[in-house]
Amino acid sequence: MSKEKDDLYIIKIGGNVIDNSENLYKFLKDFTALKGYKILVHGGGKVATQLSETLGIEAKMVDGRRITDIETLRVVTMVYGGLINKNIVAQLQRFGTNAIGLTGADGDFIRTKKRPVKTIDYGFVGDMDEKSIHPENIKKLMDAGFTPAFCAITHDGEGQLLNTNADTIASALAVALSKLYHTTLIYCFEKAGVLKDITDEASLIQEIDPDYYKELKEKEIIHSGMLPKLDNAFTAIGCGVKQVIIGHADNLGLLNDSKPFGTRLSKGV
């Protein structure tokens, strides 16, 4: 009889948490209080853009996506993999989580491919596939008592670092590790969850299944930046992830009391 799989939380935070020291302090304290296995994934916030401006490097964006030329890659590697990642790790150690800060190159945990040039050249940006994550290596790290904290930098196996979307990294980690754990993927951001009215926190949608998601898209209740996040989430659920939660970072602590928070995405019937 096979051993029952352990639970694993994979939690992604964005710039709204990273850029505010009080928000980050509370989140990391709540993260530490979560029992069992967990992985943190973080983006970069405003610091990379601010440093680029200081260095005279123009931040180029297309449809909200950063163009990563070689100078920008140097900046995001310094900021994501250095300043932000190590600050997060130091704070987690303060609270009692034995965290280890990582890029995808460390331990060959996350290997990506440079995005091919089509109509737009995104530069040194990494795209993921089903072989990008090496879950057994990550499991060894967690079995040794460490909590991984991944930044949004990966590698191509040929010595090249690549800037990679943190939402996509979190989703891919959840899918790959679902073979070894019961994985729950959590996206923490500045809203209560998925809202029917973006200006009204009380319009929270507590549960969404694929059919309801299709309806919400058709009525354009959900659009723009929320679409890729939800597309990633439903792809993850379809590939074995137990559940996906999208909610406010301040409410993460509710999980410790087994209370629901945010929007829960499910397979449906």
C-alpha atoms as a PDB file:
ATOM      1  CA  MET A   1       0.000   0.000   0.000  1.00  0.00           C
ATOM      2  CA  SER A   2       1.500   3.337  -1.071  1.00  0.00           C
ATOM      3  CA  LYS A   3       2.229   6.028   1.504  1.00  0.00           C
ATOM      4  CA  GLU A   4      -0.312   8.853   1.674  1.00  0.00           C
ATOM      5  CA  LYS A   5       1.140  12.027   0.136  1.00  0.00           C
ATOM      6  CA  ASP A   6       1.942  14.992   2.386  1.00  0.00           C
ATOM      7  CA  ASP A   7       0.379  18.405   1.850  1.00  0.00           C
ATOM      8  CA  LEU A   8       2.450  21.152   0.233  1.00  0.00           C
ATOM      9  CA  TYR A   9       1.659  24.863  -0.087  1.00  0.00           C
ATOM     10  CA  ILE A  10       3.219  26.781  -2.964  1.00  0.00           C
ATOM     11  CA  ILE A  11       2.665  30.485  -2.364  1.00  0.00           C
ATOM     12  CA  LYS A  12       3.455  33.297  -4.776  1.00  0.00           C
ATOM     13  CA  ILE A  13       3.721  36.938  -3.708  1.00  0.00           C
ATOM     14  CA  GLY A  14       3.956  40.000  -5.944  1.00  0.00           C
ATOM     15  CA  GLY A  15       5.259  43.518  -5.751  1.00  0.00           C
ATOM     16  CA  ASN A  16       2.432  44.805  -3.565  1.00  0.00           C
ATOM     17  CA  VAL A  17       3.783  42.665  -0.718  1.00  0.00           C
ATOM     18  CA  ILE A  18       7.473  43.038  -1.519  1.00  0.00           C
ATOM     19  CA  ASP A  19       7.377  46.829  -1.886  1.00  0.00           C
ATOM     20  CA  ASN A  20       5.779  47.427   1.544  1.00  0.00           C
ATOM     21  CA  SER A  21       7.872  46.397   4.546  1.00  0.00           C
ATOM     22  CA  GLU A  22       4.845  46.150   6.871  1.00  0.00           C
ATOM     23  CA  ASN A  23       2.933  43.952   4.406  1.00  0.00           C
ATOM     24  CA  LEU A  24       5.988  41.759   3.896  1.00  0.00           C
ATOM     25  CA  TYR A  25       6.587  41.433   7.652  1.00  0.00           C
ATOM     26  CA  LYS A  26       3.013  40.253   8.275  1.00  0.00           C
ATOM     27  CA  PHE A  27       2.985  37.911   5.302  1.00  0.00           C
ATOM     28  CA  LEU A  28       6.265  36.204   6.216  1.00  0.00           C
ATOM     29  CA  LYS A  29       5.100  35.786   9.811  1.00  0.00           C
ATOM     30  CA  ASP A  30       1.886  34.112   8.575  1.00  0.00           C
ATOM     31  CA  PHE A  31       3.873  32.047   6.073  1.00  0.00           C
ATOM     32  CA  THR A  32       6.121  30.778   8.868  1.00  0.00           C
ATOM     33  CA  ALA A  33       3.062  29.802  10.950  1.00  0.00           C
ATOM     34  CA  LEU A  34       1.777  27.478   8.191  1.00  0.00           C
ATOM     35  CA  LYS A  35       2.406  23.882   9.203  1.00  0.00           C
ATOM     36  CA  GLY A  36       4.110  21.359   6.970  1.00  0.00           C
ATOM     37  CA  TYR A  37       5.866  21.665   3.631  1.00  0.00           C
ATOM     38  CA  LYS A  38       5.820  24.984   1.791  1.00  0.00           C
ATOM     39  CA  ILE A  39       7.569  26.870  -0.993  1.00  0.00           C
ATOM     40  CA  LEU A  40       7.646  30.622  -1.537  1.00  0.00           C
ATOM     41  CA  VAL A  41       7.872  32.155  -5.025  1.00  0.00           C
ATOM     42  CA  HIS A  42       8.371  35.903  -5.459  1.00  0.00           C
ATOM     43  CA  GLY A  43       8.611  38.476  -8.209  1.00  0.00           C
ATOM     44  CA  GLY A  44      10.535  41.712  -8.125  1.00  0.00           C
ATOM     45  CA  GLY A  45       8.299  44.635  -7.352  1.00  0.00           C
ATOM     46  CA  LYS A  46       9.335  48.178  -8.194  1.00  0.00           C
ATOM     47  CA  VAL A  47      12.952  47.915  -7.100  1.00  0.00           C
ATOM     48  CA  ALA A  48      14.261  46.594 -10.435  1.00  0.00           C
ATOM     49  CA  THR A  49      12.583  49.430 -12.331  1.00  0.00           C
ATOM     50  CA  GLN A  50      13.895  52.019  -9.853  1.00  0.00           C
ATOM     51  CA  LEU A  51      17.454  50.676 -10.041  1.00  0.00           C
ATOM     52  CA  SER A  52      17.278  50.576 -13.850  1.00  0.00           C
ATOM     53  CA  GLU A  53      16.303  54.242 -13.884  1.00  0.00           C
ATOM     54  CA  THR A  54      19.136  55.106 -11.480  1.00  0.00           C
ATOM     55  CA  LEU A  55      21.600  53.340 -13.798  1.00  0.00           C
ATOM     56  CA  GLY A  56      20.128  55.036 -16.864  1.00  0.00           C
ATOM     57  CA  ILE A  57      18.649  51.813 -18.275  1.00  0.00           C
ATOM     58  CA  GLU A  58      15.236  52.319 -19.817  1.00  0.00           C
ATOM     59  CA  ALA A  59      12.596  49.825 -18.619  1.00  0.00           C
ATOM     60  CA  LYS A  60      10.827  48.550 -21.737  1.00  0.00           C
ATOM     61  CA  MET A  61       7.387  46.979 -21.382  1.00  0.00           C
ATOM     62  CA  VAL A  62       5.002  45.480 -23.953  1.00  0.00           C
ATOM     63  CA  ASP A  63       1.472  44.599 -22.766  1.00  0.00           C
ATOM     64  CA  GLY A  64       2.706  44.606 -19.172  1.00  0.00           C
ATOM     65  CA  ARG A  65       5.616  42.276 -19.935  1.00  0.00           C
ATOM     66  CA  ARG A  66       9.194  43.384 -19.376  1.00  0.00           C
ATOM     67  CA  ILE A  67      11.595  43.289 -22.302  1.00  0.00           C
ATOM     68  CA  THR A  68      14.750  41.777 -20.822  1.00  0.00           C
ATOM     69  CA  ASP A  69      17.826  42.946 -22.725  1.00  0.00           C
ATOM     70  CA  ILE A  70      21.267  42.068 -21.346  1.00  0.00           C
ATOM     71  CA  GLU A  71      21.497  45.186 -19.156  1.00  0.00           C
ATOM     72  CA  THR A  72      18.030  44.588 -17.732  1.00  0.00           C
ATOM     73  CA  LEU A  73      18.894  40.933 -17.081  1.00  0.00           C
ATOM     74  CA  ARG A  74      21.858  42.052 -14.985  1.00  0.00           C
ATOM     75  CA  VAL A  75      19.609  44.358 -12.972  1.00  0.00           C
ATOM     76  CA  VAL A  76      16.817  41.833 -12.362  1.00  0.00           C
ATOM     77  CA  THR A  77      19.340  39.149 -11.416  1.00  0.00           C
ATOM     78  CA  MET A  78      20.898  41.484  -8.845  1.00  0.00           C
ATOM     79  CA  VAL A  79      17.534  42.609  -7.493  1.00  0.00           C
ATOM     80  CA  TYR A  80      15.439  39.425  -7.654  1.00  0.00           C
ATOM     81  CA  GLY A  81      18.154  36.890  -6.839  1.00  0.00           C
ATOM     82  CA  GLY A  82      20.115  39.179  -4.526  1.00  0.00           C
ATOM     83  CA  LEU A  83      18.539  42.076  -2.672  1.00  0.00           C
ATOM     84  CA  ILE A  84      14.905  40.908  -2.527  1.00  0.00           C
ATOM     85  CA  ASN A  85      15.526  37.182  -2.186  1.00  0.00           C
ATOM     86  CA  LYS A  86      18.095  37.494   0.567  1.00  0.00           C
ATOM     87  CA  ASN A  87      15.997  40.039   2.470  1.00  0.00           C
ATOM     88  CA  ILE A  88      13.072  37.596   2.395  1.00  0.00           C
ATOM     89  CA  VAL A  89      15.301  34.724   3.526  1.00  0.00           C
ATOM     90  CA  ALA A  90      16.736  36.795   6.385  1.00  0.00           C
ATOM     91  CA  GLN A  91      13.226  37.733   7.562  1.00  0.00           C
ATOM     92  CA  LEU A  92      12.072  34.103   7.376  1.00  0.00           C
ATOM     93  CA  GLN A  93      15.072  33.022   9.478  1.00  0.00           C
ATOM     94  CA  ARG A  94      14.067  35.693  11.985  1.00  0.00           C
ATOM     95  CA  PHE A  95      10.641  34.065  12.336  1.00  0.00           C
ATOM     96  CA  GLY A  96      11.993  30.531  12.548  1.00  0.00           C
ATOM     97  CA  THR A  97      11.613  29.264   8.978  1.00  0.00           C
ATOM     98  CA  ASN A  98      14.878  27.699   7.810  1.00  0.00           C
ATOM     99  CA  ALA A  99      14.596  29.169   4.321  1.00  0.00           C
ATOM    100  CA  ILE A 100      17.075  28.853   1.493  1.00  0.00           C
ATOM    101  CA  GLY A 101      16.990  31.454  -1.293  1.00  0.00           C
ATOM    102  CA  LEU A 102      17.191  30.110  -4.826  1.00  0.00           C
ATOM    103  CA  THR A 103      17.188  30.848  -8.520  1.00  0.00           C
ATOM    104  CA  GLY A 104      16.196  28.121 -10.955  1.00  0.00           C
ATOM    105  CA  ALA A 105      19.907  27.547 -11.680  1.00  0.00           C
ATOM    106  CA  ASP A 106      20.597  26.446  -8.094  1.00  0.00           C
ATOM    107  CA  GLY A 107      20.401  22.677  -7.897  1.00  0.00           C
ATOM    108  CA  ASP A 108      19.182  22.702 -11.528  1.00  0.00           C
ATOM    109  CA  PHE A 109      15.706  23.074 -10.018  1.00  0.00           C
ATOM    110  CA  ILE A 110      14.132  25.074 -12.866  1.00  0.00           C
ATOM    111  CA  ARG A 111      15.427  24.915 -16.436  1.00  0.00           C
ATOM    112  CA  THR A 112      13.730  27.001 -19.126  1.00  0.00           C
ATOM    113  CA  LYS A 113      14.151  27.838 -22.810  1.00  0.00           C
ATOM    114  CA  LYS A 114      14.790  31.314 -24.177  1.00  0.00           C
ATOM    115  CA  ARG A 115      11.575  32.643 -25.676  1.00  0.00           C
ATOM    116  CA  PRO A 116      11.786  32.499 -29.489  1.00  0.00           C
ATOM    117  CA  VAL A 117      11.511  35.750 -31.399  1.00  0.00           C
ATOM    118  CA  LYS A 118       8.187  36.111 -33.220  1.00  0.00           C
ATOM    119  CA  THR A 119       6.620  39.553 -33.621  1.00  0.00           C
ATOM    120  CA  ILE A 120       8.366  40.792 -30.453  1.00  0.00           C
ATOM    121  CA  ASP A 121      11.836  40.012 -29.141  1.00  0.00           C
ATOM    122  CA  TYR A 122      11.424  39.710 -25.367  1.00  0.00           C
ATOM    123  CA  GLY A 123      15.147  39.223 -24.917  1.00  0.00           C
ATOM    124  CA  PHE A 124      16.460  36.994 -22.147  1.00  0.00           C
ATOM    125  CA  VAL A 125      13.086  35.625 -21.039  1.00  0.00           C
ATOM    126  CA  GLY A 126      12.627  31.967 -20.139  1.00  0.00           C
ATOM    127  CA  ASP A 127       9.604  29.883 -21.147  1.00  0.00           C
ATOM    128  CA  MET A 128       8.712  26.728 -19.271  1.00  0.00           C
ATOM    129  CA  ASP A 129       7.613  23.284 -20.440  1.00  0.00           C
ATOM    130  CA  GLU A 130       6.644  20.022 -18.742  1.00  0.00           C
ATOM    131  CA  LYS A 131      10.320  19.135 -18.166  1.00  0.00           C
ATOM    132  CA  SER A 132      11.378  22.472 -16.620  1.00  0.00           C
ATOM    133  CA  ILE A 133      10.964  21.473 -12.967  1.00  0.00           C
ATOM    134  CA  HIS A 134      13.028  18.768 -11.282  1.00  0.00           C
ATOM    135  CA  PRO A 135      10.703  17.802  -8.400  1.00  0.00           C
ATOM    136  CA  GLU A 136      12.866  15.051  -6.889  1.00  0.00           C
ATOM    137  CA  ASN A 137      15.714  17.530  -6.308  1.00  0.00           C
ATOM    138  CA  ILE A 138      13.336  19.972  -4.602  1.00  0.00           C
ATOM    139  CA  LYS A 139      11.924  17.175  -2.442  1.00  0.00           C
ATOM    140  CA  LYS A 140      15.438  16.301  -1.245  1.00  0.00           C
ATOM    141  CA  LEU A 141      15.898  19.891  -0.133  1.00  0.00           C
ATOM    142  CA  MET A 142      12.603  19.954   1.780  1.00  0.00           C
ATOM    143  CA  ASP A 143      13.254  16.518   3.307  1.00  0.00           C
ATOM    144  CA  ALA A 144      16.505  17.984   4.649  1.00  0.00           C
ATOM    145  CA  GLY A 145      14.453  20.601   6.520  1.00  0.00           C
ATOM    146  CA  PHE A 146      14.803  23.608   4.223  1.00  0.00           C
ATOM    147  CA  THR A 147      12.005  25.833   2.910  1.00  0.00           C
ATOM    148  CA  PRO A 148      12.772  26.972  -0.664  1.00  0.00           C
ATOM    149  CA  ALA A 149      12.258  30.626  -1.595  1.00  0.00           C
ATOM    150  CA  PHE A 150      12.462  30.958  -5.378  1.00  0.00           C
ATOM    151  CA  CYS A 151      12.970  34.219  -7.227  1.00  0.00           C
ATOM    152  CA  ALA A 152      11.918  34.695 -10.856  1.00  0.00           C
ATOM    153  CA  ILE A 153      15.307  33.846 -12.397  1.00  0.00           C
ATOM    154  CA  THR A 154      15.860  30.504 -14.165  1.00  0.00           C
ATOM    155  CA  HIS A 155      18.536  29.072 -16.498  1.00  0.00           C
ATOM    156  CA  ASP A 156      18.740  27.267 -19.833  1.00  0.00           C
ATOM    157  CA  GLY A 157      21.298  24.583 -18.953  1.00  0.00           C
ATOM    158  CA  GLU A 158      23.868  26.251 -21.226  1.00  0.00           C
ATOM    159  CA  GLY A 159      25.049  28.832 -18.715  1.00  0.00           C
ATOM    160  CA  GLN A 160      22.491  31.513 -19.515  1.00  0.00           C
ATOM    161  CA  LEU A 161      20.251  33.033 -16.843  1.00  0.00           C
ATOM    162  CA  LEU A 162      16.714  33.957 -17.927  1.00  0.00           C
ATOM    163  CA  ASN A 163      14.010  36.223 -16.492  1.00  0.00           C
ATOM    164  CA  THR A 164      10.848  34.140 -16.010  1.00  0.00           C
ATOM    165  CA  ASN A 165       7.287  34.989 -14.987  1.00  0.00           C
ATOM    166  CA  ALA A 166       6.852  34.240 -11.270  1.00  0.00           C
ATOM    167  CA  ASP A 167       3.169  33.250 -11.638  1.00  0.00           C
ATOM    168  CA  THR A 168       4.187  30.673 -14.236  1.00  0.00           C
ATOM    169  CA  ILE A 169       7.008  29.357 -12.029  1.00  0.00           C
ATOM    170  CA  ALA A 170       4.586  28.890  -9.118  1.00  0.00           C
ATOM    171  CA  SER A 171       2.077  27.081 -11.318  1.00  0.00           C
ATOM    172  CA  ALA A 172       4.736  24.807 -12.848  1.00  0.00           C
ATOM    173  CA  LEU A 173       6.131  23.964  -9.394  1.00  0.00           C
ATOM    174  CA  ALA A 174       2.641  23.038  -8.178  1.00  0.00           C
ATOM    175  CA  VAL A 175       2.028  20.769 -11.176  1.00  0.00           C
ATOM    176  CA  ALA A 176       5.415  19.023 -11.026  1.00  0.00           C
ATOM    177  CA  LEU A 177       5.298  18.513  -7.268  1.00  0.00           C
ATOM    178  CA  SER A 178       1.683  17.262  -7.340  1.00  0.00           C
ATOM    179  CA  LYS A 179       3.171  13.882  -8.279  1.00  0.00           C
ATOM    180  CA  LEU A 180       4.846  13.788  -4.861  1.00  0.00           C
ATOM    181  CA  TYR A 181       2.520  15.913  -2.675  1.00  0.00           C
ATOM    182  CA  HIS A 182      -1.066  17.116  -2.382  1.00  0.00           C
ATOM    183  CA  THR A 183      -0.280  20.605  -3.665  1.00  0.00           C
ATOM    184  CA  THR A 184      -2.232  23.781  -2.979  1.00  0.00           C
ATOM    185  CA  LEU A 185      -1.202  26.763  -5.099  1.00  0.00           C
ATOM    186  CA  ILE A 186      -1.842  30.193  -3.576  1.00  0.00           C
ATOM    187  CA  TYR A 187      -1.485  33.541  -5.352  1.00  0.00           C
ATOM    188  CA  CYS A 188      -1.302  36.358  -2.800  1.00  0.00           C
ATOM    189  CA  PHE A 189      -1.878  39.889  -4.041  1.00  0.00           C
ATOM    190  CA  GLU A 190      -3.543  43.185  -3.035  1.00  0.00           C
ATOM    191  CA  LYS A 191      -7.217  42.235  -3.560  1.00  0.00           C
ATOM    192  CA  ALA A 192      -9.521  40.026  -1.496  1.00  0.00           C
ATOM    193  CA  GLY A 193      -9.632  37.600  -4.422  1.00  0.00           C
ATOM    194  CA  VAL A 194     -11.351  37.549  -7.802  1.00  0.00           C
ATOM    195  CA  LEU A 195     -13.921  40.353  -7.753  1.00  0.00           C
ATOM    196  CA  LYS A 196     -17.028  40.901  -9.860  1.00  0.00           C
ATOM    197  CA  ASP A 197     -16.386  44.624  -9.464  1.00  0.00           C
ATOM    198  CA  ILE A 198     -12.709  45.548  -9.222  1.00  0.00           C
ATOM    199  CA  THR A 199     -13.575  48.619  -7.110  1.00  0.00           C
ATOM    200  CA  ASP A 200     -15.697  46.682  -4.583  1.00  0.00           C
ATOM    201  CA  GLU A 201     -13.940  44.272  -2.213  1.00  0.00           C
ATOM    202  CA  ALA A 202     -17.355  42.984  -1.110  1.00  0.00           C
ATOM    203  CA  SER A 203     -17.957  41.565  -4.605  1.00  0.00           C
ATOM    204  CA  LEU A 204     -15.630  38.622  -3.943  1.00  0.00           C
ATOM    205  CA  ILE A 205     -16.336  35.462  -5.941  1.00  0.00           C
ATOM    206  CA  GLN A 206     -15.673  32.667  -3.452  1.00  0.00           C
ATOM    207  CA  GLU A 207     -15.542  29.731  -5.875  1.00  0.00           C
ATOM    208  CA  ILE A 208     -14.987  29.378  -9.623  1.00  0.00           C
ATOM    209  CA  ASP A 209     -15.077  26.195 -11.692  1.00  0.00           C
ATOM    210  CA  PRO A 210     -14.176  25.983 -15.421  1.00  0.00           C
ATOM    211  CA  ASP A 211     -17.772  26.498 -16.611  1.00  0.00           C
ATOM    212  CA  TYR A 212     -18.259  29.571 -14.414  1.00  0.00           C
ATOM    213  CA  TYR A 213     -14.870  30.888 -15.544  1.00  0.00           C
ATOM    214  CA  LYS A 214     -15.952  30.639 -19.179  1.00  0.00           C
ATOM    215  CA  GLU A 215     -19.124  32.574 -18.336  1.00  0.00           C
ATOM    216  CA  LEU A 216     -17.194  35.285 -16.460  1.00  0.00           C
ATOM    217  CA  LYS A 217     -14.838  35.739 -19.420  1.00  0.00           C
ATOM    218  CA  GLU A 218     -17.679  35.908 -21.941  1.00  0.00           C
ATOM    219  CA  LYS A 219     -19.395  38.617 -19.884  1.00  0.00           C
ATOM    220  CA  GLU A 220     -16.001  40.370 -19.492  1.00  0.00           C
ATOM    221  CA  ILE A 221     -16.364  40.376 -15.712  1.00  0.00           C
ATOM    222  CA  ILE A 222     -12.843  38.923 -15.677  1.00  0.00           C
ATOM    223  CA  HIS A 223     -10.369  40.467 -18.115  1.00  0.00           C
ATOM    224  CA  SER A 224      -6.910  41.990 -18.590  1.00  0.00           C
ATOM    225  CA  GLY A 225      -4.200  41.025 -16.090  1.00  0.00           C
ATOM    226  CA  MET A 226      -6.366  38.538 -14.191  1.00  0.00           C
ATOM    227  CA  LEU A 227      -6.793  36.278 -17.247  1.00  0.00           C
ATOM    228  CA  PRO A 228      -3.249  34.833 -17.413  1.00  0.00           C
ATOM    229  CA  LYS A 229      -3.304  34.232 -13.647  1.00  0.00           C
ATOM    230  CA  LEU A 230      -6.574  32.286 -13.861  1.00  0.00           C
ATOM    231  CA  ASP A 231      -5.544  30.476 -17.054  1.00  0.00           C
ATOM    232  CA  ASN A 232      -2.404  29.277 -15.251  1.00  0.00           C
ATOM    233  CA  ALA A 233      -4.492  28.268 -12.249  1.00  0.00           C
ATOM    234  CA  PHE A 234      -6.976  26.146 -14.201  1.00  0.00           C
ATOM    235  CA  THR A 235      -4.164  24.542 -16.189  1.00  0.00           C
ATOM    236  CA  ALA A 236      -2.561  23.575 -12.872  1.00  0.00           C
ATOM    237  CA  ILE A 237      -5.810  22.078 -11.558  1.00  0.00           C
ATOM    238  CA  GLY A 238      -6.231  20.103 -14.766  1.00  0.00           C
ATOM    239  CA  CYS A 239      -2.713  18.696 -14.272  1.00  0.00           C
ATOM    240  CA  GLY A 240      -3.189  17.366 -10.743  1.00  0.00           C
ATOM    241  CA  VAL A 241      -2.979  20.342  -8.380  1.00  0.00           C
ATOM    242  CA  LYS A 242      -5.407  19.881  -5.468  1.00  0.00           C
ATOM    243  CA  GLN A 243      -6.691  23.476  -5.374  1.00  0.00           C
ATOM    244  CA  VAL A 244      -5.753  27.045  -6.245  1.00  0.00           C
ATOM    245  CA  ILE A 245      -6.516  30.019  -3.996  1.00  0.00           C
ATOM    246  CA  ILE A 246      -6.260  33.667  -5.067  1.00  0.00           C
ATOM    247  CA  GLY A 247      -6.524  36.152  -2.225  1.00  0.00           C
ATOM    248  CA  HIS A 248      -5.134  39.025  -0.190  1.00  0.00           C
ATOM    249  CA  ALA A 249      -1.723  38.433   1.363  1.00  0.00           C
ATOM    250  CA  ASP A 250      -3.005  39.775   4.699  1.00  0.00           C
ATOM    251  CA  ASN A 251      -5.485  36.892   4.921  1.00  0.00           C
ATOM    252  CA  LEU A 252      -3.014  34.023   4.574  1.00  0.00           C
ATOM    253  CA  GLY A 253      -3.137  33.470   8.345  1.00  0.00           C
ATOM    254  CA  LEU A 254      -6.761  32.297   8.057  1.00  0.00           C
ATOM    255  CA  LEU A 255      -5.439  28.997   6.677  1.00  0.00           C
ATOM    256  CA  ASN A 256      -3.935  28.255  10.079  1.00  0.00           C
ATOM    257  CA  ASP A 257      -7.448  28.300  11.521  1.00  0.00           C
ATOM    258  CA  SER A 258      -8.796  26.204   8.615  1.00  0.00           C
ATOM    259  CA  LYS A 259     -10.874  29.188   7.510  1.00  0.00           C
ATOM    260  CA  PRO A 260     -11.411  29.890   3.806  1.00  0.00           C
ATOM    261  CA  PHE A 261     -10.096  33.070   2.248  1.00  0.00           C
ATOM    262  CA  GLY A 262     -10.005  34.574  -1.203  1.00  0.00           C
ATOM    263  CA  THR A 263     -11.307  32.802  -4.301  1.00  0.00           C
ATOM    264  CA  ARG A 264     -10.995  29.027  -4.528  1.00  0.00           C
ATOM    265  CA  LEU A 265     -10.632  27.518  -7.995  1.00  0.00           C
ATOM    266  CA  SER A 266     -11.817  23.954  -8.445  1.00  0.00           C
ATOM    267  CA  LYS A 267     -12.335  21.309 -11.123  1.00  0.00           C
ATOM    268  CA  GLY A 268     -16.110  21.467 -10.737  1.00  0.00           C
ATOM    269  CA  VAL A 269     -18.371  18.482 -11.304  1.00  0.00           C
END
